[in-house]
Amino acid sequence: MKGASILLAEMIPDADWEARFNKWYDTHHIPTRMSAPGFVSAQRYRDPERSNYLAVYELAATTALATPEYTRIRTQPNVETKWIQANVQAPTRYVGDEIADLRRPDLTGEPLDAPILYAVFFSVPDERVADFDAWYQGEHVPLLLACRDWWMCRRFLIVDADPQPWTHLALHYIGDEKAFDSPERAAARSTPLRARLAAEPWFNASTVVFHRHGRRFKGRG
């Protein structure tokens, strides 16, 4: 179900046609993409604080976005798709290549099916990438994974960003929201190395918590 790359897309529908939006997404938008080669699976999420929806598409590679089939899907939308895409608010689109997959060694289930997804975006200057990676992957994530409800962290290098120029993304798959208040997370956020990086002007992450919405869709892979 997991791919080597991902496509993330966010959309916010108006409350008075949110049900219409969800029907379109589940019965047309995702199924048409699952028919394209290179699309492995897709899972939808919703921000519990507002009607902000996220779809995470698992791709065999970013080349899945350059096939004739996907190009036709994107450039030849039906009438309903045109209307919804013209009326949703704050659409975003990010494409990333996975650079790390870190998870608890005692997991017995599929971490991709975690009920909570915590997305963390950074814009890291080229000259700070090595130090950032050493901190995030070598210290930060291992400390988080000491919490039993912190199931997995996948890290991505963003290769296509719209609208924000993010360069790095971490997707955290979490079993229970109590993980956010855990002593393990507190420890991960209070190390000397993190404090040094946090003092630099670029260290301003964008974070969003999503709840899983609906079932996982399977594609051609």
Protein backbone atom coordinates (compact mmCIF):
# COMPACT_ATOMS: atom_id res chain seq x y z
CA MET A 1 0.00 0.00 0.00
CA LYS A 2 3.00 2.32 0.46
CA GLY A 3 4.83 3.92 -2.42
CA ALA A 4 8.27 5.43 -2.88
CA SER A 5 6.70 8.86 -3.49
CA ILE A 6 3.56 10.71 -2.47
CA LEU A 7 1.19 13.36 -3.73
CA LEU A 8 -0.59 15.44 -1.08
CA ALA A 9 -3.59 17.56 -1.97
CA GLU A 10 -5.67 19.75 0.36
CA MET A 11 -9.04 21.35 -0.35
CA ILE A 12 -11.57 23.19 1.79
CA PRO A 13 -15.20 23.00 0.60
CA ASP A 14 -17.95 25.31 1.81
CA ALA A 15 -20.05 23.82 4.58
CA ASP A 16 -23.25 24.01 2.52
CA TRP A 17 -21.85 21.63 -0.14
CA GLU A 18 -19.41 19.58 1.93
CA ALA A 19 -21.48 16.41 1.46
CA ARG A 20 -21.41 16.94 -2.31
CA PHE A 21 -17.65 17.42 -2.15
CA ASN A 22 -17.16 14.17 -0.22
CA LYS A 23 -19.35 12.19 -2.60
CA TRP A 24 -17.40 13.53 -5.58
CA TYR A 25 -14.06 12.77 -3.93
CA ASP A 26 -14.97 9.20 -2.98
CA THR A 27 -16.90 8.18 -6.08
CA HIS A 28 -15.02 10.01 -8.83
CA HIS A 29 -11.91 11.99 -7.96
CA ILE A 30 -9.91 9.26 -6.23
CA PRO A 31 -11.23 6.30 -8.26
CA THR A 32 -10.20 7.90 -11.55
CA ARG A 33 -6.68 8.40 -10.21
CA MET A 34 -6.49 4.85 -8.89
CA SER A 35 -7.00 3.69 -12.47
CA ALA A 36 -3.78 5.38 -13.60
CA PRO A 37 -0.50 3.41 -13.63
CA GLY A 38 1.83 4.09 -10.72
CA PHE A 39 -0.92 5.00 -8.23
CA VAL A 40 -0.56 2.51 -5.38
CA SER A 41 -3.20 3.68 -2.89
CA ALA A 42 -4.89 6.75 -1.43
CA GLN A 43 -6.18 7.77 1.98
CA ARG A 44 -8.26 10.79 2.88
CA TYR A 45 -8.03 12.81 6.09
CA ARG A 46 -9.93 15.70 7.69
CA ASP A 47 -8.76 18.44 10.02
CA PRO A 48 -10.88 18.00 13.18
CA GLU A 49 -10.96 21.77 13.70
CA ARG A 50 -12.34 22.76 10.27
CA SER A 51 -13.48 21.30 6.96
CA ASN A 52 -9.94 21.07 5.58
CA TYR A 53 -9.53 17.78 3.71
CA LEU A 54 -6.26 16.11 2.79
CA ALA A 55 -5.68 13.27 0.36
CA VAL A 56 -2.40 11.35 0.45
CA TYR A 57 -1.71 9.41 -2.73
CA GLU A 58 0.93 6.70 -2.57
CA LEU A 59 2.91 6.59 -5.83
CA ALA A 60 5.31 3.98 -7.15
CA ALA A 61 7.42 6.95 -8.28
CA THR A 62 6.85 10.57 -9.27
CA THR A 63 6.83 9.40 -12.89
CA ALA A 64 3.23 8.29 -12.19
CA LEU A 65 2.33 11.96 -12.55
CA ALA A 66 3.72 12.12 -16.09
CA THR A 67 1.90 9.20 -17.71
CA PRO A 68 -0.55 9.78 -20.56
CA GLU A 69 -3.35 8.34 -18.41
CA TYR A 70 -2.80 10.77 -15.54
CA THR A 71 -2.28 13.69 -17.91
CA ARG A 72 -5.65 12.93 -19.48
CA ILE A 73 -7.31 12.74 -16.06
CA ARG A 74 -5.90 16.11 -15.01
CA THR A 75 -6.46 17.97 -18.27
CA GLN A 76 -9.90 16.57 -19.14
CA PRO A 77 -12.00 16.96 -15.97
CA ASN A 78 -15.73 16.36 -16.07
CA VAL A 79 -18.29 19.08 -15.34
CA GLU A 80 -18.55 18.28 -11.62
CA THR A 81 -14.78 18.30 -11.20
CA LYS A 82 -14.48 21.67 -12.92
CA TRP A 83 -17.13 23.17 -10.65
CA ILE A 84 -15.66 21.83 -7.41
CA GLN A 85 -12.08 22.74 -8.27
CA ALA A 86 -13.23 26.26 -9.14
CA ASN A 87 -15.05 26.67 -5.82
CA VAL A 88 -12.91 25.01 -3.15
CA GLN A 89 -10.75 27.21 -0.95
CA ALA A 90 -7.02 27.02 -0.20
CA PRO A 91 -6.04 24.19 -2.54
CA THR A 92 -2.50 22.87 -2.08
CA ARG A 93 -0.43 20.28 -3.92
CA TYR A 94 2.88 18.80 -2.79
CA VAL A 95 4.88 15.96 -4.32
CA GLY A 96 7.61 14.24 -2.35
CA ASP A 97 10.13 11.40 -2.57
CA GLU A 98 10.49 9.29 0.56
CA ILE A 99 13.93 9.54 2.18
CA ALA A 100 13.25 7.65 5.42
CA ASP A 101 10.73 5.29 7.02
CA LEU A 102 11.17 4.99 10.79
CA ARG A 103 8.72 3.00 12.89
CA ARG A 104 8.33 1.28 16.21
CA PRO A 105 9.83 -2.23 15.98
CA ASP A 106 7.02 -3.77 18.03
CA LEU A 107 4.18 -2.74 15.71
CA THR A 108 1.89 -5.58 14.71
CA GLY A 109 -0.59 -3.71 12.50
CA GLU A 110 -0.26 -1.50 9.43
CA PRO A 111 0.93 1.96 10.54
CA LEU A 112 -0.44 3.53 7.36
CA ASP A 113 -3.89 2.89 8.83
CA ALA A 114 -3.22 5.00 11.92
CA PRO A 115 -6.23 7.10 12.92
CA ILE A 116 -4.17 10.30 13.20
CA LEU A 117 -1.78 11.87 10.71
CA TYR A 118 0.49 14.69 11.86
CA ALA A 119 2.08 16.58 8.97
CA VAL A 120 5.15 18.76 9.58
CA PHE A 121 6.56 20.96 6.80
CA PHE A 122 9.92 22.76 6.82
CA SER A 123 11.81 24.99 4.40
CA VAL A 124 15.44 24.10 5.06
CA PRO A 125 18.31 26.09 3.48
CA ASP A 126 20.68 23.92 1.45
CA GLU A 127 23.59 24.62 3.78
CA ARG A 128 21.58 23.44 6.82
CA VAL A 129 20.13 20.20 5.40
CA ALA A 130 22.85 17.92 6.82
CA ASP A 131 22.41 19.28 10.36
CA PHE A 132 18.63 19.26 10.05
CA ASP A 133 18.59 15.63 8.88
CA ALA A 134 21.01 14.58 11.62
CA TRP A 135 18.72 16.12 14.24
CA TYR A 136 15.35 15.03 12.86
CA GLN A 137 16.25 11.50 11.89
CA GLY A 138 19.05 10.77 14.33
CA GLU A 139 17.56 12.30 17.48
CA HIS A 140 14.06 13.70 17.16
CA VAL A 141 12.17 10.80 15.62
CA PRO A 142 13.80 8.06 17.77
CA LEU A 143 12.75 9.98 20.88
CA LEU A 144 9.18 10.29 19.57
CA LEU A 145 9.00 6.59 18.71
CA ALA A 146 9.69 5.76 22.34
CA CYS A 147 6.02 6.66 22.86
CA ARG A 148 3.84 3.60 22.21
CA ASP A 149 1.23 5.70 20.41
CA TRP A 150 3.80 7.18 17.99
CA TRP A 151 3.76 4.46 15.35
CA MET A 152 5.77 5.70 12.39
CA CYS A 153 7.45 8.71 10.82
CA ARG A 154 8.00 8.95 7.08
CA ARG A 155 10.26 11.72 5.81
CA PHE A 156 10.09 13.22 2.33
CA LEU A 157 12.08 15.56 0.15
CA ILE A 158 9.54 17.79 -1.57
CA VAL A 159 10.16 18.02 -5.31
CA ASP A 160 7.10 20.05 -6.31
CA ALA A 161 5.50 22.58 -3.95
CA ASP A 162 2.37 24.69 -4.37
CA PRO A 163 1.77 27.22 -2.91
CA GLN A 164 4.44 27.26 -0.14
CA PRO A 165 8.15 26.61 -0.89
CA TRP A 166 8.51 23.74 1.59
CA THR A 167 11.53 21.49 1.10
CA HIS A 168 11.02 18.76 3.72
CA LEU A 169 7.97 16.96 5.03
CA ALA A 170 7.50 14.51 7.88
CA LEU A 171 4.31 12.46 8.12
CA HIS A 172 3.78 11.05 11.60
CA TYR A 173 1.32 8.18 11.97
CA ILE A 174 -0.15 8.20 15.47
CA GLY A 175 -2.43 5.80 17.29
CA ASP A 176 -3.88 8.15 19.91
CA GLU A 177 -3.90 11.93 20.42
CA LYS A 178 -2.52 11.49 23.93
CA ALA A 179 0.86 11.03 22.21
CA PHE A 180 1.00 14.82 21.75
CA ASP A 181 1.06 15.28 25.53
CA SER A 182 3.42 12.37 26.23
CA PRO A 183 6.69 12.75 28.15
CA GLU A 184 8.46 11.25 25.15
CA ARG A 185 7.32 14.10 22.92
CA ALA A 186 8.27 16.63 25.59
CA ALA A 187 11.75 15.11 25.70
CA ALA A 188 12.04 15.20 21.91
CA ARG A 189 11.22 18.91 21.89
CA SER A 190 13.63 19.94 24.64
CA THR A 191 17.07 18.75 23.57
CA PRO A 192 20.05 21.11 23.22
CA LEU A 193 20.40 20.25 19.52
CA ARG A 194 16.79 21.17 18.80
CA ALA A 195 17.18 24.40 20.77
CA ARG A 196 20.17 25.42 18.66
CA LEU A 197 18.33 24.76 15.40
CA ALA A 198 15.13 26.42 16.66
CA ALA A 199 17.08 29.64 17.21
CA GLU A 200 17.78 29.94 13.48
CA PRO A 201 15.39 32.12 11.43
CA TRP A 202 14.38 29.35 8.97
CA PHE A 203 13.22 27.00 11.72
CA ASN A 204 9.49 27.69 11.40
CA ALA A 205 7.56 24.51 10.78
CA SER A 206 3.98 24.37 9.53
CA THR A 207 2.08 21.63 11.34
CA VAL A 208 -1.39 20.18 10.83
CA VAL A 209 -3.17 17.34 12.61
CA PHE A 210 -5.58 15.26 10.53
CA HIS A 211 -7.97 12.44 11.38
CA ARG A 212 -8.37 9.55 8.97
CA HIS A 213 -11.49 9.93 6.85
CA GLY A 214 -13.02 6.92 5.12
CA ARG A 215 -11.34 3.86 3.70
CA ARG A 216 -8.07 3.37 1.87
CA PHE A 217 -8.37 3.12 -1.90
CA LYS A 218 -6.22 0.64 -3.82
CA GLY A 219 -4.68 1.47 -7.21
CA ARG A 220 -2.89 -0.26 -10.05
CA GLY A 221 0.54 0.24 -8.45
